[in-house]
Amino acid sequence: MAIDVLCPALFKMSSGNSNDYQNIFSSFSDFCNNQEGKLNLCGLSLGGILALDYVKKYPEKVNSMSNHNIKNGLDKINCKSLILCGSKDKANMKSAKQISQSIRKSEFKIVKDSSHEVNVDNPKELAHIIYDFWKEFL
């Protein structure tokens, strides 16, 4: 089964010359709001913060969210969520587990042989974990 994946270039999509967070979030929100149907979001680092803020502002547009090490606003998340952390990411492991425990419908997964940049360190394992999580939404 194939998954359609869109990976927006966050710094290129922001309008004007400003790459401040509000400008990037506004552009990201416009991008997401122009997509058809409910979204399955996946974010890493800045993308994770954008995904979290988006689901808090537009919960009706989000089917699921996969996220990596984000803390604020967890009580507002009501969709199924996947929290990931690299097995070698000692600095973020504790907070990732706490985040997972704070979100009602969350799952916590560790990406083997990875540090903070799980998408660089072990992209195949990351893809398998996300695919397994998103299977029920396809």
Protein backbone atom coordinates (compact mmCIF):
# COMPACT_ATOMS: atom_id res chain seq x y z
CA MET A 1 0.00 0.00 0.00
CA ALA A 2 1.42 3.38 -0.98
CA ILE A 3 1.34 6.51 1.15
CA ASP A 4 1.24 9.97 -0.39
CA VAL A 5 3.80 12.06 1.49
CA LEU A 6 4.34 15.79 1.17
CA CYS A 7 7.50 17.26 2.68
CA PRO A 8 7.27 21.05 2.53
CA ALA A 9 10.50 23.05 2.59
CA LEU A 10 9.64 25.05 5.70
CA PHE A 11 12.05 27.93 5.22
CA LYS A 12 11.24 28.27 1.53
CA MET A 13 7.47 28.29 2.04
CA SER A 14 7.35 31.27 4.41
CA SER A 15 6.17 34.47 2.84
CA GLY A 16 8.37 37.55 2.64
CA ASN A 17 11.93 37.63 3.84
CA SER A 18 11.19 36.74 7.44
CA ASN A 19 11.89 33.26 8.74
CA ASP A 20 10.57 33.94 12.23
CA TYR A 21 8.40 31.25 13.79
CA GLN A 22 5.07 33.06 13.33
CA ASN A 23 5.71 33.57 9.63
CA ILE A 24 6.75 29.94 9.12
CA PHE A 25 3.76 28.70 11.15
CA SER A 26 1.37 30.87 9.16
CA SER A 27 2.74 29.55 5.86
CA PHE A 28 2.70 25.96 7.16
CA SER A 29 -0.90 26.36 8.35
CA ASP A 30 -1.96 27.73 4.97
CA PHE A 31 -0.22 24.78 3.27
CA CYS A 32 -1.96 22.25 5.54
CA ASN A 33 -5.35 23.95 5.33
CA ASN A 34 -5.19 23.74 1.53
CA GLN A 35 -4.78 19.95 1.63
CA GLU A 36 -7.87 17.83 1.09
CA GLY A 37 -9.27 15.82 3.99
CA LYS A 38 -7.78 15.11 7.38
CA LEU A 39 -4.01 15.11 7.72
CA ASN A 40 -1.55 12.65 9.21
CA LEU A 41 1.27 14.92 10.36
CA CYS A 42 4.84 13.94 11.05
CA GLY A 43 7.36 16.40 12.44
CA LEU A 44 10.98 16.37 13.50
CA SER A 45 12.51 19.22 15.50
CA LEU A 46 11.04 22.50 14.10
CA GLY A 47 8.59 20.42 12.06
CA GLY A 48 7.47 18.75 15.28
CA ILE A 49 6.78 22.09 16.92
CA LEU A 50 4.84 23.24 13.85
CA ALA A 51 2.82 20.00 13.81
CA LEU A 52 2.01 20.34 17.51
CA ASP A 53 0.94 23.97 17.20
CA TYR A 54 -1.10 23.14 14.10
CA VAL A 55 -3.02 20.31 15.81
CA LYS A 56 -3.76 22.61 18.76
CA LYS A 57 -5.14 25.32 16.46
CA TYR A 58 -6.89 23.07 13.89
CA PRO A 59 -7.75 19.80 15.68
CA GLU A 60 -10.58 19.08 13.22
CA LYS A 61 -8.04 18.90 10.33
CA VAL A 62 -5.77 16.29 11.94
CA ASN A 63 -6.25 12.55 11.83
CA SER A 64 -2.97 11.62 13.54
CA MET A 65 0.38 13.09 14.48
CA SER A 66 3.88 11.61 14.75
CA ASN A 67 6.16 13.81 16.75
CA HIS A 68 9.67 13.99 18.16
CA ASN A 69 10.38 15.64 21.53
CA ILE A 70 7.81 18.40 22.05
CA LYS A 71 6.30 19.41 25.47
CA ASN A 72 3.85 22.33 25.51
CA GLY A 73 0.07 22.09 25.04
CA LEU A 74 -0.15 18.33 25.39
CA ASP A 75 -3.52 18.46 27.15
CA LYS A 76 -5.11 19.87 23.97
CA ILE A 77 -4.11 16.91 21.79
CA ASN A 78 -6.93 14.44 21.25
CA CYS A 79 -5.80 12.60 18.11
CA LYS A 80 -3.71 9.44 18.01
CA SER A 81 -0.08 10.49 18.39
CA LEU A 82 3.24 8.74 17.88
CA ILE A 83 6.18 10.03 19.91
CA LEU A 84 9.61 8.98 18.67
CA CYS A 85 13.08 9.16 20.12
CA GLY A 86 16.39 7.82 18.85
CA SER A 87 17.90 5.06 20.99
CA LYS A 88 21.10 7.10 21.33
CA ASP A 89 19.31 10.42 22.02
CA LYS A 90 20.05 10.42 25.75
CA ALA A 91 19.37 14.15 26.09
CA ASN A 92 15.74 13.79 24.95
CA MET A 93 14.75 10.25 25.99
CA LYS A 94 13.26 11.22 29.37
CA SER A 95 11.22 14.12 27.99
CA ALA A 96 9.99 12.04 25.05
CA LYS A 97 8.67 9.41 27.47
CA GLN A 98 7.03 12.13 29.60
CA ILE A 99 5.40 13.61 26.51
CA SER A 100 4.02 10.24 25.53
CA GLN A 101 2.58 9.76 29.01
CA SER A 102 0.96 13.21 28.86
CA ILE A 103 -0.92 12.67 25.59
CA ARG A 104 -4.04 10.56 26.03
CA LYS A 105 -3.89 8.61 22.77
CA SER A 106 -0.15 8.35 22.28
CA GLU A 107 2.31 5.62 21.49
CA PHE A 108 6.02 5.84 22.30
CA LYS A 109 8.57 4.20 20.00
CA ILE A 110 12.34 4.13 20.03
CA VAL A 111 14.15 4.30 16.69
CA LYS A 112 17.09 1.88 16.87
CA ASP A 113 20.63 3.02 16.15
CA SER A 114 19.67 6.71 16.05
CA SER A 115 20.54 9.91 17.83
CA HIS A 116 18.39 13.09 17.61
CA GLU A 117 18.27 13.05 13.80
CA VAL A 118 16.40 9.77 13.41
CA ASN A 119 15.58 10.60 9.79
CA VAL A 120 19.31 10.78 9.00
CA ASP A 121 20.60 8.01 11.27
CA ASN A 122 18.04 5.30 10.50
CA PRO A 123 15.55 6.42 7.82
CA LYS A 124 14.36 2.88 7.00
CA GLU A 125 13.47 2.07 10.62
CA LEU A 126 11.78 5.46 10.95
CA ALA A 127 9.76 4.85 7.79
CA HIS A 128 8.64 1.41 9.02
CA ILE A 129 7.54 2.78 12.40
CA ILE A 130 5.58 5.64 10.83
CA TYR A 131 4.03 3.38 8.19
CA ASP A 132 2.87 0.89 10.85
CA PHE A 133 1.37 3.74 12.85
CA TRP A 134 -0.42 5.26 9.83
CA LYS A 135 -1.74 1.93 8.43
CA GLU A 136 -5.04 2.25 10.26
CA PHE A 137 -5.67 5.66 8.69
CA LEU A 138 -5.15 4.54 5.07
